PDB file of N, CA and C in Angstrom:
ATOM      1  N   UNK A   1       7.000 -18.382  -7.646  1.00  0.00           N
ATOM      2  CA  UNK A   1       6.360 -18.862  -6.434  1.00  0.00           C
ATOM      3  C   UNK A   1       6.967 -20.219  -6.125  1.00  0.00           C
ATOM      4  N   UNK A   2       7.328 -20.405  -4.871  1.00  0.00           N
ATOM      5  CA  UNK A   2       7.914 -21.659  -4.449  1.00  0.00           C
ATOM      6  C   UNK A   2       6.855 -22.712  -4.142  1.00  0.00           C
ATOM      7  N   UNK A   3       7.326 -23.922  -3.893  1.00  0.00           N
ATOM      8  CA  UNK A   3       6.435 -25.050  -3.598  1.00  0.00           C
ATOM      9  C   UNK A   3       5.551 -24.789  -2.388  1.00  0.00           C
ATOM     10  N   UNK A   4       6.041 -24.026  -1.427  1.00  0.00           N
ATOM     11  CA  UNK A   4       5.287 -23.756  -0.193  1.00  0.00           C
ATOM     12  C   UNK A   4       4.432 -22.496  -0.300  1.00  0.00           C
ATOM     13  N   UNK A   5       4.299 -21.964  -1.525  1.00  0.00           N
ATOM     14  CA  UNK A   5       3.475 -20.774  -1.719  1.00  0.00           C
ATOM     15  C   UNK A   5       4.160 -19.480  -1.339  1.00  0.00           C
ATOM     16  N   UNK A   6       5.468 -19.513  -1.217  1.00  0.00           N
ATOM     17  CA  UNK A   6       6.208 -18.310  -0.853  1.00  0.00           C
ATOM     18  C   UNK A   6       6.643 -17.556  -2.105  1.00  0.00           C
ATOM     19  N   UNK A   7       6.588 -16.231  -2.028  1.00  0.00           N
ATOM     20  CA  UNK A   7       7.005 -15.376  -3.131  1.00  0.00           C
ATOM     21  C   UNK A   7       8.367 -14.794  -2.787  1.00  0.00           C
ATOM     22  N   UNK A   8       9.274 -14.825  -3.745  1.00  0.00           N
ATOM     23  CA  UNK A   8      10.608 -14.252  -3.549  1.00  0.00           C
ATOM     24  C   UNK A   8      10.606 -12.841  -4.127  1.00  0.00           C
ATOM     25  N   UNK A   9      10.986 -11.878  -3.309  1.00  0.00           N
ATOM     26  CA  UNK A   9      11.114 -10.495  -3.765  1.00  0.00           C
ATOM     27  C   UNK A   9      12.601 -10.255  -4.035  1.00  0.00           C
ATOM     28  N   UNK A  10      12.957  -9.926  -5.267  1.00  0.00           N
ATOM     29  CA  UNK A  10      14.378  -9.733  -5.597  1.00  0.00           C
ATOM     30  C   UNK A  10      15.025  -8.669  -4.712  1.00  0.00           C
ATOM     31  N   UNK A  11      16.309  -8.839  -4.460  1.00  0.00           N
ATOM     32  CA  UNK A  11      17.025  -7.932  -3.561  1.00  0.00           C
ATOM     33  C   UNK A  11      16.958  -6.490  -4.047  1.00  0.00           C
ATOM     34  N   UNK A  12      17.002  -6.271  -5.370  1.00  0.00           N
ATOM     35  CA  UNK A  12      16.923  -4.907  -5.896  1.00  0.00           C
ATOM     36  C   UNK A  12      15.593  -4.253  -5.508  1.00  0.00           C
ATOM     37  N   UNK A  13      14.499  -5.005  -5.598  1.00  0.00           N
ATOM     38  CA  UNK A  13      13.182  -4.470  -5.236  1.00  0.00           C
ATOM     39  C   UNK A  13      13.104  -4.232  -3.733  1.00  0.00           C
ATOM     40  N   UNK A  14      13.655  -5.158  -2.935  1.00  0.00           N
ATOM     41  CA  UNK A  14      13.639  -4.971  -1.473  1.00  0.00           C
ATOM     42  C   UNK A  14      14.392  -3.712  -1.092  1.00  0.00           C
ATOM     43  N   UNK A  15      15.524  -3.476  -1.741  1.00  0.00           N
ATOM     44  CA  UNK A  15      16.302  -2.261  -1.453  1.00  0.00           C
ATOM     45  C   UNK A  15      15.534  -1.014  -1.879  1.00  0.00           C
ATOM     46  N   UNK A  16      14.972  -1.028  -3.086  1.00  0.00           N
ATOM     47  CA  UNK A  16      14.262   0.142  -3.604  1.00  0.00           C
ATOM     48  C   UNK A  16      13.075   0.526  -2.735  1.00  0.00           C
ATOM     49  N   UNK A  17      12.346  -0.484  -2.229  1.00  0.00           N
ATOM     50  CA  UNK A  17      11.135  -0.212  -1.449  1.00  0.00           C
ATOM     51  C   UNK A  17      11.358  -0.292   0.058  1.00  0.00           C
ATOM     52  N   UNK A  18      12.596  -0.517   0.475  1.00  0.00           N
ATOM     53  CA  UNK A  18      12.905  -0.542   1.897  1.00  0.00           C
ATOM     54  C   UNK A  18      12.269  -1.707   2.636  1.00  0.00           C
ATOM     55  N   UNK A  19      12.132  -2.837   1.960  1.00  0.00           N
ATOM     56  CA  UNK A  19      11.538  -4.022   2.586  1.00  0.00           C
ATOM     57  C   UNK A  19      12.642  -4.814   3.262  1.00  0.00           C
ATOM     58  N   UNK A  20      12.433  -5.094   4.546  1.00  0.00           N
ATOM     59  CA  UNK A  20      13.424  -5.833   5.326  1.00  0.00           C
ATOM     60  C   UNK A  20      12.780  -7.076   5.925  1.00  0.00           C
ATOM     61  N   UNK A  21      13.622  -8.032   6.293  1.00  0.00           N
ATOM     62  CA  UNK A  21      13.124  -9.250   6.936  1.00  0.00           C
ATOM     63  C   UNK A  21      12.277  -8.868   8.144  1.00  0.00           C
ATOM     64  N   UNK A  22      11.122  -9.483   8.267  1.00  0.00           N
ATOM     65  CA  UNK A  22      10.229  -9.214   9.390  1.00  0.00           C
ATOM     66  C   UNK A  22       9.173  -8.172   9.097  1.00  0.00           C
ATOM     67  N   UNK A  23       9.313  -7.410   7.989  1.00  0.00           N
ATOM     68  CA  UNK A  23       8.282  -6.433   7.637  1.00  0.00           C
ATOM     69  C   UNK A  23       6.973  -7.154   7.334  1.00  0.00           C
ATOM     70  N   UNK A  24       5.876  -6.551   7.720  1.00  0.00           N
ATOM     71  CA  UNK A  24       4.552  -7.089   7.418  1.00  0.00           C
ATOM     72  C   UNK A  24       4.113  -6.532   6.072  1.00  0.00           C
ATOM     73  N   UNK A  25       3.649  -7.418   5.192  1.00  0.00           N
ATOM     74  CA  UNK A  25       3.175  -7.008   3.883  1.00  0.00           C
ATOM     75  C   UNK A  25       1.702  -7.365   3.737  1.00  0.00           C
ATOM     76  N   UNK A  26       0.976  -6.496   3.068  1.00  0.00           N
ATOM     77  CA  UNK A  26      -0.425  -6.738   2.789  1.00  0.00           C
ATOM     78  C   UNK A  26      -0.522  -7.157   1.325  1.00  0.00           C
ATOM     79  N   UNK A  27      -1.262  -8.216   1.059  1.00  0.00           N
ATOM     80  CA  UNK A  27      -1.446  -8.708  -0.300  1.00  0.00           C
ATOM     81  C   UNK A  27      -2.868  -8.376  -0.726  1.00  0.00           C
ATOM     82  N   UNK A  28      -2.993  -7.710  -1.874  1.00  0.00           N
ATOM     83  CA  UNK A  28      -4.319  -7.341  -2.387  1.00  0.00           C
ATOM     84  C   UNK A  28      -4.444  -7.795  -3.833  1.00  0.00           C
ATOM     85  N   UNK A  29      -5.656  -8.106  -4.215  1.00  0.00           N
ATOM     86  CA  UNK A  29      -5.936  -8.419  -5.609  1.00  0.00           C
ATOM     87  C   UNK A  29      -5.989  -7.111  -6.372  1.00  0.00           C
ATOM     88  N   UNK A  30      -5.400  -7.083  -7.555  1.00  0.00           N
ATOM     89  CA  UNK A  30      -5.472  -5.892  -8.392  1.00  0.00           C
ATOM     90  C   UNK A  30      -6.930  -5.677  -8.776  1.00  0.00           C
ATOM     91  N   UNK A  31      -7.424  -4.440  -8.709  1.00  0.00           N
ATOM     92  CA  UNK A  31      -8.853  -4.205  -8.940  1.00  0.00           C
ATOM     93  C   UNK A  31      -9.306  -4.394 -10.394  1.00  0.00           C
ATOM     94  N   UNK A  32      -8.385  -4.345 -11.347  1.00  0.00           N
ATOM     95  CA  UNK A  32      -8.778  -4.421 -12.747  1.00  0.00           C
ATOM     96  C   UNK A  32      -8.156  -5.623 -13.462  1.00  0.00           C
ATOM     97  N   UNK A  33      -6.879  -5.806 -13.266  1.00  0.00           N
ATOM     98  CA  UNK A  33      -6.138  -6.834 -14.000  1.00  0.00           C
ATOM     99  C   UNK A  33      -5.891  -8.058 -13.121  1.00  0.00           C
ATOM    100  N   UNK A  34      -5.726  -9.227 -13.747  1.00  0.00           N
ATOM    101  CA  UNK A  34      -5.396 -10.407 -12.943  1.00  0.00           C
ATOM    102  C   UNK A  34      -4.002 -10.219 -12.330  1.00  0.00           C
ATOM    103  N   UNK A  35      -3.901 -10.356 -11.051  1.00  0.00           N
ATOM    104  CA  UNK A  35      -2.619 -10.206 -10.389  1.00  0.00           C
ATOM    105  C   UNK A  35      -2.788  -9.756  -8.958  1.00  0.00           C
ATOM    106  N   UNK A  36      -1.670  -9.649  -8.268  1.00  0.00           N
ATOM    107  CA  UNK A  36      -1.681  -9.218  -6.876  1.00  0.00           C
ATOM    108  C   UNK A  36      -0.787  -8.001  -6.712  1.00  0.00           C
ATOM    109  N   UNK A  37      -1.026  -7.267  -5.632  1.00  0.00           N
ATOM    110  CA  UNK A  37      -0.208  -6.120  -5.263  1.00  0.00           C
ATOM    111  C   UNK A  37       0.265  -6.339  -3.827  1.00  0.00           C
ATOM    112  N   UNK A  38       1.486  -5.964  -3.548  1.00  0.00           N
ATOM    113  CA  UNK A  38       2.047  -6.055  -2.200  1.00  0.00           C
ATOM    114  C   UNK A  38       2.275  -4.650  -1.664  1.00  0.00           C
ATOM    115  N   UNK A  39       1.927  -4.441  -0.399  1.00  0.00           N
ATOM    116  CA  UNK A  39       2.156  -3.161   0.265  1.00  0.00           C
ATOM    117  C   UNK A  39       2.780  -3.415   1.620  1.00  0.00           C
ATOM    118  N   UNK A  40       3.765  -2.587   1.985  1.00  0.00           N
ATOM    119  CA  UNK A  40       4.214  -2.600   3.368  1.00  0.00           C
ATOM    120  C   UNK A  40       3.072  -2.027   4.193  1.00  0.00           C
ATOM    121  N   UNK A  41       2.767  -2.656   5.313  1.00  0.00           N
ATOM    122  CA  UNK A  41       1.643  -2.229   6.142  1.00  0.00           C
ATOM    123  C   UNK A  41       1.787  -0.763   6.546  1.00  0.00           C
ATOM    124  N   UNK A  42       2.973  -0.360   6.985  1.00  0.00           N
ATOM    125  CA  UNK A  42       3.134   1.024   7.424  1.00  0.00           C
ATOM    126  C   UNK A  42       2.967   2.007   6.268  1.00  0.00           C
ATOM    127  N   UNK A  43       3.398   1.632   5.070  1.00  0.00           N
ATOM    128  CA  UNK A  43       3.221   2.500   3.906  1.00  0.00           C
ATOM    129  C   UNK A  43       1.745   2.608   3.534  1.00  0.00           C
ATOM    130  N   UNK A  44       1.027   1.505   3.599  1.00  0.00           N
ATOM    131  CA  UNK A  44      -0.411   1.527   3.296  1.00  0.00           C
ATOM    132  C   UNK A  44      -1.142   2.407   4.307  1.00  0.00           C
ATOM    133  N   UNK A  45      -0.776   2.290   5.585  1.00  0.00           N
ATOM    134  CA  UNK A  45      -1.413   3.102   6.621  1.00  0.00           C
ATOM    135  C   UNK A  45      -1.125   4.589   6.389  1.00  0.00           C
ATOM    136  N   UNK A  46       0.114   4.933   6.041  1.00  0.00           N
ATOM    137  CA  UNK A  46       0.465   6.334   5.758  1.00  0.00           C
ATOM    138  C   UNK A  46      -0.370   6.861   4.598  1.00  0.00           C
ATOM    139  N   UNK A  47      -0.495   6.067   3.527  1.00  0.00           N
ATOM    140  CA  UNK A  47      -1.282   6.487   2.370  1.00  0.00           C
ATOM    141  C   UNK A  47      -2.733   6.721   2.772  1.00  0.00           C
ATOM    142  N   UNK A  48      -3.305   5.801   3.524  1.00  0.00           N
ATOM    143  CA  UNK A  48      -4.706   5.928   3.939  1.00  0.00           C
ATOM    144  C   UNK A  48      -4.891   7.154   4.822  1.00  0.00           C
ATOM    145  N   UNK A  49      -3.972   7.385   5.761  1.00  0.00           N
ATOM    146  CA  UNK A  49      -4.062   8.562   6.630  1.00  0.00           C
ATOM    147  C   UNK A  49      -4.018   9.854   5.809  1.00  0.00           C
ATOM    148  N   UNK A  50      -3.098   9.933   4.838  1.00  0.00           N
ATOM    149  CA  UNK A  50      -2.998  11.119   3.991  1.00  0.00           C
ATOM    150  C   UNK A  50      -4.261  11.284   3.145  1.00  0.00           C
ATOM    151  N   UNK A  51      -4.795  10.175   2.649  1.00  0.00           N
ATOM    152  CA  UNK A  51      -6.008  10.199   1.840  1.00  0.00           C
ATOM    153  C   UNK A  51      -7.181  10.741   2.659  1.00  0.00           C
ATOM    154  N   UNK A  52      -7.320  10.273   3.904  1.00  0.00           N
ATOM    155  CA  UNK A  52      -8.404  10.735   4.778  1.00  0.00           C
ATOM    156  C   UNK A  52      -8.236  12.221   5.084  1.00  0.00           C
ATOM    157  N   UNK A  53      -7.015  12.659   5.328  1.00  0.00           N
ATOM    158  CA  UNK A  53      -6.774  14.086   5.592  1.00  0.00           C
ATOM    159  C   UNK A  53      -7.179  14.942   4.391  1.00  0.00           C
ATOM    160  N   UNK A  54      -6.868  14.471   3.192  1.00  0.00           N
ATOM    161  CA  UNK A  54      -7.246  15.193   1.979  1.00  0.00           C
ATOM    162  C   UNK A  54      -8.762  15.252   1.840  1.00  0.00           C
ATOM    163  N   UNK A  55      -9.433  14.138   2.091  1.00  0.00           N
ATOM    164  CA  UNK A  55     -10.901  14.129   2.047  1.00  0.00           C
ATOM    165  C   UNK A  55     -11.486  15.097   3.060  1.00  0.00           C
ATOM    166  N   UNK A  56     -10.942  15.100   4.267  1.00  0.00           N
ATOM    167  CA  UNK A  56     -11.423  16.015   5.307  1.00  0.00           C
ATOM    168  C   UNK A  56     -11.272  17.474   4.867  1.00  0.00           C
ATOM    169  N   UNK A  57     -10.116  17.812   4.272  1.00  0.00           N
ATOM    170  CA  UNK A  57      -9.894  19.182   3.801  1.00  0.00           C
ATOM    171  C   UNK A  57     -10.887  19.546   2.707  1.00  0.00           C
ATOM    172  N   UNK A  58     -11.114  18.614   1.779  1.00  0.00           N
ATOM    173  CA  UNK A  58     -12.064  18.883   0.696  1.00  0.00           C
ATOM    174  C   UNK A  58     -13.467  19.088   1.233  1.00  0.00           C
ATOM    175  N   UNK A  59     -13.869  18.257   2.175  1.00  0.00           N
ATOM    176  CA  UNK A  59     -15.195  18.401   2.773  1.00  0.00           C
ATOM    177  C   UNK A  59     -15.313  19.718   3.530  1.00  0.00           C
ATOM    178  N   UNK A  60     -14.267  20.113   4.218  1.00  0.00           N
ATOM    179  CA  UNK A  60     -14.269  21.382   4.962  1.00  0.00           C
ATOM    180  C   UNK A  60     -14.391  22.562   4.014  1.00  0.00           C
ATOM    181  N   UNK A  61     -13.659  22.525   2.902  1.00  0.00           N
ATOM    182  CA  UNK A  61     -13.701  23.641   1.953  1.00  0.00           C
ATOM    183  C   UNK A  61     -15.064  23.683   1.238  1.00  0.00           C
ATOM    184  N   UNK A  62     -15.678  22.533   0.988  1.00  0.00           N
ATOM    185  CA  UNK A  62     -17.008  22.509   0.376  1.00  0.00           C
ATOM    186  C   UNK A  62     -18.044  23.084   1.340  1.00  0.00           C
ATOM    187  N   UNK A  63     -17.922  22.754   2.614  1.00  0.00           N
ATOM    188  CA  UNK A  63     -18.858  23.258   3.623  1.00  0.00           C
ATOM    189  C   UNK A  63     -18.719  24.773   3.762  1.00  0.00           C
ATOM    190  N   UNK A  64     -17.495  25.267   3.644  1.00  0.00           N
ATOM    191  CA  UNK A  64     -17.247  26.704   3.795  1.00  0.00           C
ATOM    192  C   UNK A  64     -17.801  27.489   2.603  1.00  0.00           C
ATOM    193  N   UNK A  65     -17.835  26.869   1.432  1.00  0.00           N
ATOM    194  CA  UNK A  65     -18.319  27.587   0.243  1.00  0.00           C
ATOM    195  C   UNK A  65     -19.822  27.404   0.030  1.00  0.00           C
ATOM    196  N   UNK A  66     -20.459  26.564   0.832  1.00  0.00           N
ATOM    197  CA  UNK A  66     -21.910  26.334   0.670  1.00  0.00           C
ATOM    198  C   UNK A  66     -22.720  27.366   1.396  1.00  0.00           C
TER     199      UNK A  66
END
């Protein structure tokens, strides 16, 4: 962490995760361990959308079997 509170993401990690200058990142506290997690906003949104779709399918299949 730099003096101004900036975090440097190594070039190898930026390449692996497709992070480019100007990308918006979401910073979250790890739910169990001390630390932070970074997510690209668009990747987090995709995950949430897929998660909601899975929940909807599960709820639909439960309703059909009840």
